[in-house]
């Protein structure tokens, strides 16, 4: 792994019990006492944008929780193209197949500077013996993964290119109190939606021209959510 910084998660800050996204993370239902004897196994990792966290078919030895940033799960079809099959953000878990001692199914790549918690599967197995609550959490995470995969297949891989781009903006927004979102490079947008990068660029430009979205600094966009929803429903 190429990492910028590796720290033991409980050696100073940040500490698991004080984590700002703990309520979203894999261990959110566990009590502080459940972590006794476990904390030295958990690592806090910081990856620059564009770094590989793990590769497809690599032996799965750890599960990760996204504390900050964004990660894409990528598959490579026989034609050599890259297809993004899921986008994971704050609070999401990735590499859950490792809990079953399976190799990773996707290649995980950071899309922004990203902070992760790395949890070895040995620690998860240990916790599962100590706390039955973890099993429920794992089942909940798998259910979320299935729902995300279904949403990805249904909403981001069907319809016209214009419809898909509108749905992606809505997916990236995901906050009723904030009408802005950050878009990725056009190559990533194309890989997510299964369209060409030229088409992605053209549609984003059309949306800007039609005031459906308004470009802000740092590749952020202010979104007219009502108009996006109308386009997305076509």
Protein backbone atom coordinates (compact mmCIF):
# COMPACT_ATOMS: atom_id res chain seq x y z
CA UNK A 1 0.00 0.00 0.00
CA UNK A 2 1.14 3.52 -0.80
CA UNK A 3 0.23 5.62 2.21
CA UNK A 4 1.16 9.10 3.21
CA UNK A 5 0.84 8.48 6.93
CA UNK A 6 0.27 5.42 9.13
CA UNK A 7 -0.67 5.85 12.76
CA UNK A 8 -2.07 3.53 15.40
CA UNK A 9 -5.68 4.62 15.81
CA UNK A 10 -5.62 4.77 19.57
CA UNK A 11 -2.21 6.34 20.04
CA UNK A 12 -3.32 9.88 20.73
CA UNK A 13 -5.77 11.48 18.32
CA UNK A 14 -7.92 10.46 16.63
CA UNK A 15 -9.27 7.89 19.07
CA UNK A 16 -12.02 5.49 18.05
CA UNK A 17 -14.39 6.53 20.83
CA UNK A 18 -14.00 10.18 19.79
CA UNK A 19 -14.21 9.60 16.03
CA UNK A 20 -16.51 12.12 14.34
CA UNK A 21 -18.00 9.45 12.05
CA UNK A 22 -18.16 6.64 14.59
CA UNK A 23 -21.96 6.75 14.51
CA UNK A 24 -21.70 5.84 10.81
CA UNK A 25 -18.85 3.36 11.06
CA UNK A 26 -18.70 -0.40 11.36
CA UNK A 27 -18.31 -0.43 15.15
CA UNK A 28 -20.97 2.18 15.90
CA UNK A 29 -23.06 -0.14 18.09
CA UNK A 30 -20.16 -1.36 20.21
CA UNK A 31 -19.32 -0.11 23.69
CA UNK A 32 -15.90 1.20 24.68
CA UNK A 33 -15.31 -1.95 26.75
CA UNK A 34 -15.62 -4.04 23.59
CA UNK A 35 -12.38 -2.52 22.29
CA UNK A 36 -10.22 -3.63 25.21
CA UNK A 37 -7.22 -5.54 23.81
CA UNK A 38 -8.15 -4.60 20.25
CA UNK A 39 -7.00 -1.01 19.72
CA UNK A 40 -3.42 -1.76 18.73
CA UNK A 41 -4.68 -3.58 15.65
CA UNK A 42 -6.59 -0.67 14.12
CA UNK A 43 -4.68 1.76 11.91
CA UNK A 44 -5.50 5.26 10.77
CA UNK A 45 -4.40 5.63 7.13
CA UNK A 46 -4.20 8.71 4.95
CA UNK A 47 -4.13 8.20 1.17
CA UNK A 48 -3.55 10.93 -1.42
CA UNK A 49 -6.02 11.11 -4.30
CA UNK A 50 -5.52 8.47 -6.98
CA UNK A 51 -3.89 5.85 -4.73
CA UNK A 52 -4.80 2.17 -4.73
CA UNK A 53 -6.00 0.87 -1.35
CA UNK A 54 -6.21 -2.74 -2.51
CA UNK A 55 -6.45 -4.55 -5.82
CA UNK A 56 -8.95 -7.03 -7.21
CA UNK A 57 -8.12 -10.68 -6.39
CA UNK A 58 -5.64 -9.61 -3.70
CA UNK A 59 -6.10 -11.69 -0.52
CA UNK A 60 -8.53 -9.90 1.77
CA UNK A 61 -6.91 -9.29 5.13
CA UNK A 62 -8.67 -6.12 6.33
CA UNK A 63 -11.88 -4.13 6.16
CA UNK A 64 -11.79 -0.34 5.79
CA UNK A 65 -14.06 2.48 6.94
CA UNK A 66 -14.01 5.82 5.13
CA UNK A 67 -13.59 8.62 7.66
CA UNK A 68 -13.13 11.40 5.12
CA UNK A 69 -12.92 11.61 1.34
CA UNK A 70 -14.17 9.27 -1.39
CA UNK A 71 -13.22 5.85 -2.76
CA UNK A 72 -14.26 4.21 -6.02
CA UNK A 73 -14.57 0.46 -6.50
CA UNK A 74 -13.37 -0.45 -9.97
CA UNK A 75 -13.65 -3.48 -12.23
CA UNK A 76 -11.75 -4.06 -15.47
CA UNK A 77 -13.82 -5.77 -18.22
CA UNK A 78 -12.05 -7.97 -20.80
CA UNK A 79 -11.91 -5.07 -23.27
CA UNK A 80 -9.43 -3.31 -20.97
CA UNK A 81 -11.69 -0.42 -20.01
CA UNK A 82 -12.19 0.74 -16.44
CA UNK A 83 -15.69 0.68 -14.95
CA UNK A 84 -16.53 2.22 -11.61
CA UNK A 85 -19.18 0.05 -9.95
CA UNK A 86 -19.58 1.91 -6.67
CA UNK A 87 -18.65 5.16 -4.98
CA UNK A 88 -18.04 5.14 -1.21
CA UNK A 89 -17.95 8.18 1.02
CA UNK A 90 -17.83 9.10 4.70
CA UNK A 91 -18.94 6.28 6.99
CA UNK A 92 -18.96 3.58 4.30
CA UNK A 93 -17.24 0.22 4.75
CA UNK A 94 -15.26 -1.45 1.98
CA UNK A 95 -13.60 -4.82 1.60
CA UNK A 96 -16.28 -6.65 3.59
CA UNK A 97 -15.64 -9.81 1.59
CA UNK A 98 -12.39 -10.13 3.55
CA UNK A 99 -14.42 -11.07 6.64
CA UNK A 100 -15.28 -14.32 4.83
CA UNK A 101 -11.60 -14.84 3.97
CA UNK A 102 -12.36 -14.05 0.33
CA UNK A 103 -10.09 -12.08 -2.03
CA UNK A 104 -11.15 -8.53 -2.78
CA UNK A 105 -13.71 -8.34 -5.59
CA UNK A 106 -12.77 -4.87 -6.80
CA UNK A 107 -9.83 -2.52 -6.99
CA UNK A 108 -10.35 0.32 -4.49
CA UNK A 109 -8.91 3.71 -5.50
CA UNK A 110 -9.14 7.04 -3.70
CA UNK A 111 -10.85 9.85 -5.61
CA UNK A 112 -9.88 12.56 -3.14
CA UNK A 113 -7.40 12.81 -0.28
CA UNK A 114 -8.93 10.16 1.94
CA UNK A 115 -8.67 9.13 5.57
CA UNK A 116 -9.45 5.50 6.37
CA UNK A 117 -9.54 3.14 9.32
CA UNK A 118 -7.94 -0.22 8.51
CA UNK A 119 -9.40 -3.07 10.59
CA UNK A 120 -7.71 -6.47 10.20
CA UNK A 121 -10.07 -9.39 9.78
CA UNK A 122 -8.38 -11.09 12.74
CA UNK A 123 -9.56 -8.21 14.93
CA UNK A 124 -13.10 -8.50 13.53
CA UNK A 125 -13.20 -12.24 14.23
CA UNK A 126 -11.95 -11.54 17.75
CA UNK A 127 -14.60 -8.88 18.31
CA UNK A 128 -17.31 -11.14 16.93
CA UNK A 129 -16.52 -13.63 19.70
CA UNK A 130 -16.50 -10.91 22.35
CA UNK A 131 -19.57 -9.00 21.16
CA UNK A 132 -22.57 -10.47 19.28
CA UNK A 133 -23.51 -6.89 18.33
CA UNK A 134 -20.80 -6.92 15.68
CA UNK A 135 -22.53 -9.67 13.70
CA UNK A 136 -25.65 -7.49 13.45
CA UNK A 137 -23.50 -4.56 12.30
CA UNK A 138 -21.83 -6.67 9.62
CA UNK A 139 -25.20 -7.87 8.31
CA UNK A 140 -26.39 -4.27 8.20
CA UNK A 141 -23.31 -3.27 6.22
CA UNK A 142 -23.81 -6.06 3.72
CA UNK A 143 -27.42 -5.03 3.29
CA UNK A 144 -26.26 -1.47 2.60
CA UNK A 145 -23.75 -2.76 0.03
CA UNK A 146 -26.50 -4.68 -1.77
CA UNK A 147 -28.75 -1.61 -1.76
CA UNK A 148 -25.94 0.56 -3.14
CA UNK A 149 -25.20 -1.98 -5.87
CA UNK A 150 -28.88 -2.10 -6.83
CA UNK A 151 -29.09 1.70 -6.89
CA UNK A 152 -25.95 1.91 -9.00
CA UNK A 153 -27.28 -0.63 -11.51
CA UNK A 154 -30.78 0.84 -11.65
CA UNK A 155 -30.15 4.58 -11.62
CA UNK A 156 -26.61 5.19 -12.86
CA UNK A 157 -26.35 2.55 -15.59
CA UNK A 158 -29.69 3.01 -17.35
CA UNK A 159 -31.36 5.81 -19.30
CA UNK A 160 -29.90 8.43 -21.60
CA UNK A 161 -26.51 9.97 -20.92
CA UNK A 162 -28.22 13.23 -19.89
CA UNK A 163 -30.42 11.32 -17.44
CA UNK A 164 -27.43 9.51 -15.95
CA UNK A 165 -25.46 12.72 -15.42
CA UNK A 166 -28.44 14.30 -13.64
CA UNK A 167 -28.78 11.23 -11.43
CA UNK A 168 -25.08 11.36 -10.60
CA UNK A 169 -25.36 14.97 -9.42
CA UNK A 170 -28.29 13.96 -7.22
CA UNK A 171 -26.36 10.96 -5.91
CA UNK A 172 -23.35 13.13 -5.06
CA UNK A 173 -25.52 15.74 -3.39
CA UNK A 174 -27.29 13.46 -0.93
CA UNK A 175 -28.04 16.29 1.50
CA UNK A 176 -31.39 18.04 1.75
CA UNK A 177 -29.73 20.97 3.53
CA UNK A 178 -26.95 21.57 1.01
CA UNK A 179 -27.62 22.01 -2.70
CA UNK A 180 -23.95 21.84 -3.70
CA UNK A 181 -21.76 18.86 -4.53
CA UNK A 182 -18.28 18.11 -5.79
CA UNK A 183 -17.82 16.44 -9.16
CA UNK A 184 -14.86 14.33 -10.17
CA UNK A 185 -12.81 14.49 -13.35
CA UNK A 186 -14.62 13.72 -16.60
CA UNK A 187 -12.81 10.37 -16.96
CA UNK A 188 -14.21 9.28 -13.58
CA UNK A 189 -17.69 10.52 -14.49
CA UNK A 190 -17.50 8.52 -17.72
CA UNK A 191 -16.35 5.37 -15.89
CA UNK A 192 -19.15 5.74 -13.34
CA UNK A 193 -21.92 6.23 -15.90
CA UNK A 194 -20.67 4.06 -18.75
CA UNK A 195 -20.45 6.93 -21.23
CA UNK A 196 -17.53 8.58 -23.03
CA UNK A 197 -15.58 11.35 -21.32
CA UNK A 198 -16.45 13.67 -24.21
CA UNK A 199 -20.16 13.05 -23.65
CA UNK A 200 -19.80 13.64 -19.92
CA UNK A 201 -17.98 16.93 -20.52
CA UNK A 202 -20.56 18.08 -23.07
CA UNK A 203 -23.55 17.36 -20.81
CA UNK A 204 -21.98 19.09 -17.79
CA UNK A 205 -21.33 22.12 -20.01
CA UNK A 206 -24.98 22.04 -21.18
CA UNK A 207 -26.22 21.88 -17.60
CA UNK A 208 -24.07 24.91 -16.74
CA UNK A 209 -25.31 26.84 -19.77
CA UNK A 210 -28.94 26.01 -18.92
CA UNK A 211 -28.41 27.00 -15.25
CA UNK A 212 -29.29 23.53 -14.05
CA UNK A 213 -25.98 23.67 -12.20
CA UNK A 214 -23.66 26.57 -11.41
CA UNK A 215 -19.89 26.05 -11.32
CA UNK A 216 -18.11 26.96 -8.07
CA UNK A 217 -14.39 26.83 -7.19
CA UNK A 218 -12.62 23.47 -6.69
CA UNK A 219 -14.87 21.59 -9.11
CA UNK A 220 -17.94 22.10 -6.91
CA UNK A 221 -21.37 22.88 -8.33
CA UNK A 222 -24.49 24.53 -6.96
CA UNK A 223 -27.41 22.37 -8.08
CA UNK A 224 -30.99 23.15 -8.99
CA UNK A 225 -32.28 19.95 -7.41
CA UNK A 226 -35.82 20.26 -8.74
CA UNK A 227 -34.64 20.56 -12.35
CA UNK A 228 -32.12 17.74 -11.87
CA UNK A 229 -34.87 15.49 -10.49
CA UNK A 230 -37.04 16.28 -13.49
CA UNK A 231 -34.24 15.37 -15.90
CA UNK A 232 -33.36 12.27 -13.86
CA UNK A 233 -36.93 10.97 -14.07
CA UNK A 234 -36.93 10.85 -17.89
